[in-house]
């Protein structure tokens, strides 16, 4: 028991460092915990502990730290169609001026699920989830295009979602 506690504290200490770019340093144990949770976000900490060689308490501490650091989230992923959101689109946005200001404004919109600043044809890509076409039109026309600095938008309406996964692992 004592050696497990010492190993757990030692592993916890190693995991708490930050890399040179300010992101949390993730050791092999933290990466293994993340992979376990990507397979099943409801997997018991005791089962994760057996798989990665830590106690249930040590896994609980690691998971909480990963959550607190923003390394991961544990959420229920729904199928938008089954909960009343029948229209999804990716919107490419071109901006004049401060791209970050527009990206930040988009993050405040409830319908916008994903915002990424890009290099290429668009300055920003935003994924939008709406109830129907009228709702999507309202979001794009009256809210996104109305933001000061938005030069143009191009919408890519989803016809059918073939694959959505969060299982990219920790390579």
N, C-alpha and C. Protein backbone atom coordinates (compact mmCIF):
# COMPACT_ATOMS: atom_id res chain seq x y z
N UNK A 1 0.83 -1.19 0.00
CA UNK A 1 0.00 0.00 0.00
C UNK A 1 0.88 1.26 0.00
N UNK A 2 1.91 1.26 0.86
CA UNK A 2 2.78 2.43 0.94
C UNK A 2 3.47 2.68 -0.40
N UNK A 3 3.98 1.62 -1.03
CA UNK A 3 4.68 1.81 -2.31
C UNK A 3 3.73 2.33 -3.38
N UNK A 4 2.44 1.87 -3.35
CA UNK A 4 1.46 2.37 -4.31
C UNK A 4 1.20 3.85 -4.09
N UNK A 5 1.12 4.28 -2.84
CA UNK A 5 0.89 5.68 -2.51
C UNK A 5 2.07 6.53 -2.96
N UNK A 6 3.27 6.04 -2.70
CA UNK A 6 4.47 6.77 -3.13
C UNK A 6 4.51 6.86 -4.65
N UNK A 7 4.22 5.74 -5.32
CA UNK A 7 4.22 5.74 -6.78
C UNK A 7 3.17 6.70 -7.31
N UNK A 8 2.01 6.70 -6.66
CA UNK A 8 0.93 7.59 -7.09
C UNK A 8 1.34 9.05 -6.92
N UNK A 9 1.91 9.39 -5.77
CA UNK A 9 2.34 10.78 -5.54
C UNK A 9 3.45 11.17 -6.50
N UNK A 10 4.37 10.24 -6.75
CA UNK A 10 5.45 10.52 -7.68
C UNK A 10 4.89 10.75 -9.09
N UNK A 11 3.96 9.89 -9.51
CA UNK A 11 3.35 10.05 -10.83
C UNK A 11 2.55 11.35 -10.90
N UNK A 12 1.87 11.69 -9.81
CA UNK A 12 1.09 12.94 -9.78
C UNK A 12 2.02 14.13 -9.93
N UNK A 13 3.18 14.10 -9.27
CA UNK A 13 4.13 15.20 -9.36
C UNK A 13 4.67 15.33 -10.79
N UNK A 14 5.03 14.20 -11.40
CA UNK A 14 5.55 14.24 -12.78
C UNK A 14 4.51 14.83 -13.73
N UNK A 15 3.24 14.52 -13.49
CA UNK A 15 2.18 14.96 -14.39
C UNK A 15 1.90 16.45 -14.26
N UNK A 16 2.31 17.08 -13.16
CA UNK A 16 1.93 18.46 -12.90
C UNK A 16 2.80 19.49 -13.61
N UNK A 17 3.86 19.06 -14.23
CA UNK A 17 4.73 20.01 -14.93
C UNK A 17 4.08 20.54 -16.18
N UNK A 18 4.56 21.68 -16.64
CA UNK A 18 4.11 22.23 -17.91
C UNK A 18 5.25 22.16 -18.92
N UNK A 19 4.90 22.00 -20.19
CA UNK A 19 5.92 22.00 -21.23
C UNK A 19 6.39 23.42 -21.48
N UNK A 20 7.35 23.57 -22.36
CA UNK A 20 7.93 24.88 -22.64
C UNK A 20 6.92 25.85 -23.23
N UNK A 21 5.89 25.35 -23.94
CA UNK A 21 4.91 26.25 -24.56
C UNK A 21 3.74 26.55 -23.62
N UNK A 22 3.81 26.15 -22.36
CA UNK A 22 2.78 26.49 -21.38
C UNK A 22 1.64 25.49 -21.29
N UNK A 23 1.64 24.48 -22.15
CA UNK A 23 0.59 23.47 -22.06
C UNK A 23 0.99 22.43 -21.02
N UNK A 24 0.00 21.79 -20.40
CA UNK A 24 0.34 20.79 -19.38
C UNK A 24 1.15 19.65 -19.98
N UNK A 25 2.14 19.21 -19.23
CA UNK A 25 2.92 18.03 -19.62
C UNK A 25 2.10 16.81 -19.29
N UNK A 26 1.92 15.92 -20.24
CA UNK A 26 1.15 14.70 -20.00
C UNK A 26 2.09 13.51 -20.08
N UNK A 27 2.22 12.80 -18.97
CA UNK A 27 3.05 11.61 -18.98
C UNK A 27 2.25 10.43 -19.53
N UNK A 28 2.91 9.28 -19.64
CA UNK A 28 2.28 8.10 -20.25
C UNK A 28 1.04 7.66 -19.49
N UNK A 29 1.04 7.81 -18.17
CA UNK A 29 -0.12 7.39 -17.37
C UNK A 29 -1.32 8.30 -17.66
N UNK A 30 -1.12 9.59 -17.71
CA UNK A 30 -2.22 10.50 -18.03
C UNK A 30 -2.77 10.23 -19.42
N UNK A 31 -1.88 9.98 -20.38
CA UNK A 31 -2.32 9.66 -21.73
C UNK A 31 -3.14 8.37 -21.74
N UNK A 32 -2.72 7.39 -20.97
CA UNK A 32 -3.46 6.12 -20.89
C UNK A 32 -4.83 6.33 -20.25
N UNK A 33 -4.91 7.19 -19.24
CA UNK A 33 -6.21 7.50 -18.62
C UNK A 33 -7.13 8.16 -19.64
N UNK A 34 -6.60 9.10 -20.40
CA UNK A 34 -7.40 9.77 -21.43
C UNK A 34 -7.93 8.76 -22.44
N UNK A 35 -7.08 7.85 -22.89
CA UNK A 35 -7.51 6.83 -23.84
C UNK A 35 -8.61 5.96 -23.26
N UNK A 36 -8.48 5.59 -22.00
CA UNK A 36 -9.52 4.79 -21.34
C UNK A 36 -10.86 5.54 -21.35
N UNK A 37 -10.82 6.82 -21.05
CA UNK A 37 -12.06 7.61 -21.00
C UNK A 37 -12.61 7.90 -22.39
N UNK A 38 -11.74 7.97 -23.41
CA UNK A 38 -12.24 8.14 -24.77
C UNK A 38 -12.99 6.89 -25.22
N UNK A 39 -12.56 5.73 -24.77
CA UNK A 39 -13.27 4.50 -25.10
C UNK A 39 -14.62 4.44 -24.40
N UNK A 40 -14.67 4.90 -23.14
CA UNK A 40 -15.90 4.86 -22.35
C UNK A 40 -15.80 5.94 -21.27
N UNK A 41 -16.48 7.06 -21.49
CA UNK A 41 -16.43 8.18 -20.54
C UNK A 41 -17.03 7.87 -19.19
N UNK A 42 -17.74 6.74 -19.07
CA UNK A 42 -18.34 6.34 -17.79
C UNK A 42 -17.59 5.19 -17.14
N UNK A 43 -16.44 4.84 -17.67
CA UNK A 43 -15.66 3.74 -17.11
C UNK A 43 -15.28 4.06 -15.67
N UNK A 44 -15.50 3.12 -14.76
CA UNK A 44 -15.18 3.37 -13.34
C UNK A 44 -13.68 3.62 -13.13
N UNK A 45 -13.39 4.50 -12.19
CA UNK A 45 -12.00 4.82 -11.89
C UNK A 45 -11.22 3.58 -11.45
N UNK A 46 -11.88 2.66 -10.75
CA UNK A 46 -11.21 1.43 -10.32
C UNK A 46 -10.75 0.62 -11.54
N UNK A 47 -11.60 0.53 -12.57
CA UNK A 47 -11.23 -0.21 -13.78
C UNK A 47 -10.10 0.50 -14.52
N UNK A 48 -10.16 1.82 -14.56
CA UNK A 48 -9.08 2.58 -15.20
C UNK A 48 -7.78 2.36 -14.43
N UNK A 49 -7.88 2.40 -13.11
CA UNK A 49 -6.70 2.19 -12.27
C UNK A 49 -6.03 0.86 -12.55
N UNK A 50 -6.82 -0.20 -12.69
CA UNK A 50 -6.25 -1.52 -13.00
C UNK A 50 -5.54 -1.49 -14.34
N UNK A 51 -6.12 -0.79 -15.32
CA UNK A 51 -5.54 -0.74 -16.66
C UNK A 51 -4.25 0.06 -16.72
N UNK A 52 -4.13 1.09 -15.86
CA UNK A 52 -2.96 1.98 -15.95
C UNK A 52 -2.00 1.82 -14.78
N UNK A 53 -2.34 0.98 -13.81
CA UNK A 53 -1.43 0.72 -12.70
C UNK A 53 -1.48 1.73 -11.58
N UNK A 54 -2.63 2.37 -11.36
CA UNK A 54 -2.79 3.31 -10.24
C UNK A 54 -3.99 2.90 -9.40
N UNK A 55 -4.06 3.45 -8.21
CA UNK A 55 -5.23 3.23 -7.37
C UNK A 55 -6.41 4.04 -7.90
N UNK A 56 -7.59 3.68 -7.44
CA UNK A 56 -8.80 4.42 -7.83
C UNK A 56 -8.67 5.89 -7.43
N UNK A 57 -8.16 6.14 -6.23
CA UNK A 57 -8.02 7.52 -5.75
C UNK A 57 -7.04 8.31 -6.61
N UNK A 58 -5.95 7.68 -7.00
CA UNK A 58 -4.96 8.36 -7.84
C UNK A 58 -5.55 8.69 -9.21
N UNK A 59 -6.34 7.77 -9.76
CA UNK A 59 -7.00 8.03 -11.05
C UNK A 59 -7.97 9.19 -10.89
N UNK A 60 -8.74 9.18 -9.81
CA UNK A 60 -9.71 10.27 -9.57
C UNK A 60 -8.99 11.62 -9.53
N UNK A 61 -7.84 11.68 -8.85
CA UNK A 61 -7.07 12.92 -8.77
C UNK A 61 -6.54 13.33 -10.14
N UNK A 62 -6.03 12.35 -10.88
CA UNK A 62 -5.50 12.66 -12.22
C UNK A 62 -6.60 13.19 -13.13
N UNK A 63 -7.76 12.53 -13.12
CA UNK A 63 -8.88 12.96 -13.97
C UNK A 63 -9.31 14.37 -13.60
N UNK A 64 -9.41 14.65 -12.31
CA UNK A 64 -9.82 15.99 -11.89
C UNK A 64 -8.81 17.03 -12.34
N UNK A 65 -7.54 16.69 -12.25
CA UNK A 65 -6.50 17.62 -12.69
C UNK A 65 -6.57 17.86 -14.20
N UNK A 66 -6.80 16.80 -14.96
CA UNK A 66 -6.93 16.94 -16.41
C UNK A 66 -8.13 17.80 -16.78
N UNK A 67 -9.22 17.64 -16.02
CA UNK A 67 -10.41 18.48 -16.24
C UNK A 67 -10.11 19.93 -15.88
N UNK A 68 -9.48 20.15 -14.72
CA UNK A 68 -9.17 21.50 -14.25
C UNK A 68 -8.22 22.23 -15.20
N UNK A 69 -7.28 21.49 -15.80
CA UNK A 69 -6.32 22.10 -16.71
C UNK A 69 -6.89 22.31 -18.11
N UNK A 70 -8.11 21.82 -18.35
CA UNK A 70 -8.72 21.98 -19.66
C UNK A 70 -8.17 21.02 -20.70
N UNK A 71 -7.46 19.99 -20.25
CA UNK A 71 -6.91 19.00 -21.17
C UNK A 71 -8.03 18.19 -21.81
N UNK A 72 -9.08 17.92 -21.05
CA UNK A 72 -10.19 17.13 -21.57
C UNK A 72 -11.49 17.56 -20.89
N UNK A 73 -12.58 17.10 -21.47
CA UNK A 73 -13.92 17.27 -20.91
C UNK A 73 -14.59 15.91 -20.95
N UNK A 74 -15.46 15.68 -20.02
CA UNK A 74 -16.27 14.46 -20.06
C UNK A 74 -17.71 14.94 -20.23
N UNK A 75 -18.29 14.64 -21.39
CA UNK A 75 -19.62 15.15 -21.71
C UNK A 75 -20.45 14.04 -22.37
N UNK A 76 -21.76 14.23 -22.38
CA UNK A 76 -22.65 13.36 -23.14
C UNK A 76 -22.76 13.94 -24.54
N UNK A 77 -22.39 13.15 -25.54
CA UNK A 77 -22.46 13.59 -26.92
C UNK A 77 -23.78 13.10 -27.49
N UNK A 78 -24.59 14.02 -27.98
CA UNK A 78 -25.90 13.66 -28.51
C UNK A 78 -25.90 13.65 -30.02
N UNK A 79 -26.89 13.02 -30.59
CA UNK A 79 -27.16 13.11 -32.02
C UNK A 79 -28.09 14.30 -32.19
N UNK A 80 -27.64 15.38 -32.83
CA UNK A 80 -28.46 16.58 -32.94
C UNK A 80 -29.87 16.33 -33.49
N UNK A 81 -29.99 15.41 -34.44
CA UNK A 81 -31.29 15.14 -35.03
C UNK A 81 -32.29 14.61 -34.00
N UNK A 82 -31.84 13.78 -33.08
CA UNK A 82 -32.75 13.18 -32.11
C UNK A 82 -33.17 14.15 -31.02
N UNK A 83 -32.47 15.27 -30.88
CA UNK A 83 -32.84 16.26 -29.86
C UNK A 83 -33.38 17.55 -30.48
N UNK A 84 -33.82 17.46 -31.74
CA UNK A 84 -34.54 18.57 -32.35
C UNK A 84 -33.73 19.55 -33.17
N UNK A 85 -32.47 19.26 -33.43
CA UNK A 85 -31.65 20.16 -34.24
C UNK A 85 -31.45 19.52 -35.61
N UNK A 86 -32.28 19.94 -36.56
CA UNK A 86 -32.34 19.28 -37.86
C UNK A 86 -31.43 19.90 -38.92
N UNK A 87 -30.75 20.99 -38.58
CA UNK A 87 -29.89 21.63 -39.57
C UNK A 87 -28.53 21.94 -38.97
N UNK A 88 -27.49 21.43 -39.62
CA UNK A 88 -26.12 21.72 -39.23
C UNK A 88 -25.39 22.27 -40.45
N UNK A 89 -24.45 23.16 -40.19
CA UNK A 89 -23.65 23.71 -41.29
C UNK A 89 -22.28 24.14 -40.76
N UNK A 90 -21.32 24.08 -41.64
CA UNK A 90 -20.02 24.67 -41.39
C UNK A 90 -20.03 25.99 -42.15
N UNK A 91 -19.65 27.06 -41.49
CA UNK A 91 -19.65 28.37 -42.12
C UNK A 91 -18.22 28.89 -42.18
N UNK A 92 -17.76 29.16 -43.40
CA UNK A 92 -16.46 29.79 -43.59
C UNK A 92 -16.65 31.29 -43.54
N UNK A 93 -15.82 31.97 -42.77
CA UNK A 93 -15.97 33.41 -42.56
C UNK A 93 -14.67 34.11 -42.92
N UNK A 94 -14.79 35.17 -43.74
CA UNK A 94 -13.65 36.04 -44.03
C UNK A 94 -13.83 37.34 -43.25
N UNK A 95 -12.74 37.80 -42.68
CA UNK A 95 -12.77 38.91 -41.73
C UNK A 95 -11.86 40.03 -42.21
N UNK A 96 -12.26 41.26 -41.95
CA UNK A 96 -11.39 42.43 -42.09
C UNK A 96 -11.01 42.85 -40.69
N UNK A 97 -9.74 42.97 -40.42
CA UNK A 97 -9.32 43.39 -39.08
C UNK A 97 -9.02 42.22 -38.16
N UNK A 98 -9.40 42.36 -36.91
CA UNK A 98 -9.02 41.43 -35.84
C UNK A 98 -9.83 40.13 -35.90
N UNK A 99 -9.19 39.07 -36.34
CA UNK A 99 -9.83 37.76 -36.45
C UNK A 99 -10.24 37.25 -35.06
N UNK A 100 -9.39 37.45 -34.08
CA UNK A 100 -9.69 36.95 -32.73
C UNK A 100 -10.94 37.58 -32.15
N UNK A 101 -11.19 38.84 -32.47
CA UNK A 101 -12.38 39.52 -31.96
C UNK A 101 -13.64 38.87 -32.52
N UNK A 102 -13.64 38.55 -33.80
CA UNK A 102 -14.79 37.88 -34.42
C UNK A 102 -14.93 36.46 -33.86
N UNK A 103 -13.82 35.75 -33.74
CA UNK A 103 -13.87 34.39 -33.19
C UNK A 103 -14.46 34.40 -31.79
N UNK A 104 -14.07 35.36 -30.98
CA UNK A 104 -14.60 35.46 -29.62
C UNK A 104 -16.10 35.75 -29.63
N UNK A 105 -16.55 36.62 -30.52
CA UNK A 105 -17.99 36.92 -30.62
C UNK A 105 -18.78 35.67 -31.02
N UNK A 106 -18.21 34.87 -31.90
CA UNK A 106 -18.88 33.63 -32.31
C UNK A 106 -19.02 32.65 -31.16
N UNK A 107 -18.02 32.60 -30.28
CA UNK A 107 -18.09 31.66 -29.16
C UNK A 107 -19.22 32.00 -28.20
N UNK A 108 -19.70 33.23 -28.23
CA UNK A 108 -20.81 33.63 -27.36
C UNK A 108 -22.18 33.24 -27.92
N UNK A 109 -22.24 32.76 -29.16
CA UNK A 109 -23.52 32.37 -29.77
C UNK A 109 -23.82 30.91 -29.43
N UNK A 110 -24.98 30.66 -28.85
CA UNK A 110 -25.35 29.31 -28.42
C UNK A 110 -25.36 28.30 -29.56
N UNK A 111 -25.71 28.72 -30.76
CA UNK A 111 -25.81 27.81 -31.90
C UNK A 111 -24.45 27.41 -32.46
N UNK A 112 -23.42 28.15 -32.13
CA UNK A 112 -22.08 27.89 -32.65
C UNK A 112 -21.39 26.89 -31.72
N UNK A 113 -21.09 25.72 -32.26
CA UNK A 113 -20.53 24.62 -31.47
C UNK A 113 -19.01 24.52 -31.59
N UNK A 114 -18.46 25.10 -32.62
CA UNK A 114 -17.04 24.88 -32.91
C UNK A 114 -16.54 26.12 -33.64
N UNK A 115 -15.44 26.68 -33.19
CA UNK A 115 -14.84 27.84 -33.84
C UNK A 115 -13.35 27.60 -33.95
N UNK A 116 -12.82 27.77 -35.15
CA UNK A 116 -11.38 27.62 -35.35
C UNK A 116 -10.89 28.71 -36.29
N UNK A 117 -9.80 29.35 -35.92
CA UNK A 117 -9.16 30.32 -36.80
C UNK A 117 -8.23 29.53 -37.72
N UNK A 118 -8.28 29.84 -39.01
CA UNK A 118 -7.57 29.02 -39.98
C UNK A 118 -6.67 29.85 -40.90
N UNK A 119 -5.81 29.14 -41.60
CA UNK A 119 -5.04 29.71 -42.70
C UNK A 119 -5.64 29.11 -43.96
N UNK A 120 -5.77 29.89 -45.00
CA UNK A 120 -6.34 29.36 -46.23
C UNK A 120 -7.46 30.25 -46.74
N UNK A 121 -8.47 29.64 -47.33
CA UNK A 121 -9.56 30.38 -47.96
C UNK A 121 -10.40 31.18 -46.99
N UNK A 122 -10.49 30.73 -45.75
CA UNK A 122 -11.30 31.40 -44.73
C UNK A 122 -10.43 31.75 -43.53
N UNK A 123 -10.81 32.82 -42.87
CA UNK A 123 -10.13 33.20 -41.64
C UNK A 123 -10.64 32.39 -40.45
N UNK A 124 -11.93 32.03 -40.51
CA UNK A 124 -12.58 31.30 -39.42
C UNK A 124 -13.51 30.26 -40.01
N UNK A 125 -13.57 29.10 -39.37
CA UNK A 125 -14.60 28.11 -39.65
C UNK A 125 -15.42 27.96 -38.38
N UNK A 126 -16.75 27.98 -38.53
CA UNK A 126 -17.65 27.83 -37.39
C UNK A 126 -18.70 26.79 -37.71
N UNK A 127 -18.85 25.83 -36.83
CA UNK A 127 -19.91 24.83 -36.99
C UNK A 127 -21.14 25.31 -36.24
N UNK A 128 -22.27 25.27 -36.94
CA UNK A 128 -23.52 25.79 -36.38
C UNK A 128 -24.55 24.66 -36.35
N UNK A 129 -25.26 24.56 -35.24
CA UNK A 129 -26.32 23.57 -35.08
C UNK A 129 -27.62 24.32 -34.80
N UNK A 130 -28.62 24.12 -35.67
CA UNK A 130 -29.88 24.86 -35.59
C UNK A 130 -31.08 23.93 -35.67
N UNK A 131 -32.22 24.47 -35.31
CA UNK A 131 -33.47 23.70 -35.35
C UNK A 131 -33.93 23.42 -36.77
N UNK A 132 -33.76 24.40 -37.66
CA UNK A 132 -34.24 24.25 -39.04
C UNK A 132 -33.55 25.30 -39.92
N UNK A 133 -33.92 25.32 -41.19
CA UNK A 133 -33.31 26.25 -42.14
C UNK A 133 -33.56 27.71 -41.77
N UNK A 134 -34.77 28.02 -41.30
CA UNK A 134 -35.07 29.40 -40.91
C UNK A 134 -34.17 29.86 -39.76
N UNK A 135 -33.95 28.98 -38.82
CA UNK A 135 -33.07 29.28 -37.69
C UNK A 135 -31.65 29.52 -38.18
N UNK A 136 -31.17 28.64 -39.08
CA UNK A 136 -29.83 28.79 -39.65
C UNK A 136 -29.70 30.12 -40.39
N UNK A 137 -30.68 30.45 -41.19
CA UNK A 137 -30.67 31.72 -41.92
C UNK A 137 -30.59 32.90 -40.97
N UNK A 138 -31.35 32.84 -39.90
CA UNK A 138 -31.34 33.91 -38.91
C UNK A 138 -29.96 34.07 -38.28
N UNK A 139 -29.35 32.96 -37.90
CA UNK A 139 -28.02 33.01 -37.27
C UNK A 139 -26.99 33.60 -38.22
N UNK A 140 -26.99 33.12 -39.47
CA UNK A 140 -25.98 33.60 -40.43
C UNK A 140 -26.26 35.04 -40.84
N UNK A 141 -27.48 35.32 -41.24
CA UNK A 141 -27.80 36.61 -41.83
C UNK A 141 -27.89 37.74 -40.80
N UNK A 142 -28.53 37.50 -39.69
CA UNK A 142 -28.78 38.57 -38.74
C UNK A 142 -27.77 38.65 -37.60
N UNK A 143 -27.01 37.59 -37.40
CA UNK A 143 -26.07 37.63 -36.27
C UNK A 143 -24.61 37.56 -36.71
N UNK A 144 -24.26 36.58 -37.52
CA UNK A 144 -22.86 36.46 -37.94
C UNK A 144 -22.49 37.57 -38.91
N UNK A 145 -23.26 37.74 -39.97
CA UNK A 145 -22.95 38.77 -40.97
C UNK A 145 -23.08 40.18 -40.39
N UNK A 146 -23.81 40.32 -39.30
CA UNK A 146 -23.98 41.64 -38.67
C UNK A 146 -22.79 42.02 -37.79
N UNK A 147 -21.88 41.08 -37.52
CA UNK A 147 -20.72 41.41 -36.69
C UNK A 147 -19.79 42.36 -37.43
N UNK A 148 -19.41 43.46 -36.80
CA UNK A 148 -18.46 44.38 -37.44
C UNK A 148 -17.15 43.66 -37.75
N UNK A 149 -16.72 43.74 -38.99
CA UNK A 149 -15.48 43.09 -39.41
C UNK A 149 -15.70 41.83 -40.24
N UNK A 150 -16.92 41.30 -40.26
CA UNK A 150 -17.20 40.14 -41.11
C UNK A 150 -17.36 40.64 -42.54
N UNK A 151 -16.47 40.17 -43.42
CA UNK A 151 -16.47 40.60 -44.82
C UNK A 151 -17.38 39.71 -45.66
N UNK A 152 -17.30 38.37 -45.44
CA UNK A 152 -18.13 37.46 -46.22
C UNK A 152 -18.25 36.13 -45.48
N UNK A 153 -19.28 35.37 -45.87
CA UNK A 153 -19.47 34.03 -45.32
C UNK A 153 -19.78 33.07 -46.47
N UNK A 154 -19.46 31.82 -46.27
CA UNK A 154 -19.86 30.77 -47.19
C UNK A 154 -20.31 29.59 -46.34
N UNK A 155 -21.52 29.11 -46.62
CA UNK A 155 -22.11 28.05 -45.81
C UNK A 155 -22.02 26.70 -46.49
N UNK A 156 -21.71 25.69 -45.71
CA UNK A 156 -21.66 24.31 -46.18
C UNK A 156 -22.66 23.54 -45.33
N UNK A 157 -23.87 23.37 -45.86
CA UNK A 157 -24.95 22.71 -45.13
C UNK A 157 -24.69 21.21 -45.15
N UNK A 158 -24.82 20.58 -43.98
CA UNK A 158 -24.62 19.14 -43.88
C UNK A 158 -25.86 18.42 -44.42
N UNK A 159 -25.65 17.52 -45.37
CA UNK A 159 -26.76 16.71 -45.88
C UNK A 159 -26.91 15.43 -45.08
N UNK A 160 -25.77 14.82 -44.74
CA UNK A 160 -25.80 13.59 -43.94
C UNK A 160 -24.47 13.44 -43.24
N UNK A 161 -24.51 13.20 -41.97
CA UNK A 161 -23.31 12.99 -41.18
C UNK A 161 -22.94 11.51 -41.25
N UNK A 162 -21.78 11.21 -41.81
CA UNK A 162 -21.35 9.83 -41.97
C UNK A 162 -20.43 9.36 -40.86
N UNK A 163 -19.67 10.27 -40.26
CA UNK A 163 -18.76 9.86 -39.21
C UNK A 163 -18.53 11.02 -38.26
N UNK A 164 -18.66 10.74 -36.98
CA UNK A 164 -18.32 11.70 -35.95
C UNK A 164 -17.71 10.90 -34.82
N UNK A 165 -16.46 11.16 -34.53
CA UNK A 165 -15.78 10.39 -33.51
C UNK A 165 -14.88 11.29 -32.69
N UNK A 166 -14.67 10.88 -31.49
CA UNK A 166 -13.74 11.57 -30.60
C UNK A 166 -12.68 10.59 -30.13
N UNK A 167 -12.40 9.60 -30.96
CA UNK A 167 -11.50 8.51 -30.59
C UNK A 167 -10.14 8.62 -31.26
N UNK A 168 -9.62 9.82 -31.38
CA UNK A 168 -8.32 9.97 -32.04
C UNK A 168 -7.18 9.56 -31.14
N UNK A 169 -7.49 9.20 -29.90
CA UNK A 169 -6.46 8.72 -29.00
C UNK A 169 -5.54 9.82 -28.55
N UNK A 170 -4.35 9.42 -28.18
CA UNK A 170 -3.38 10.39 -27.66
C UNK A 170 -2.07 10.31 -28.43
N UNK A 171 -2.07 9.64 -29.54
CA UNK A 171 -0.88 9.44 -30.39
C UNK A 171 0.30 10.11 -29.81
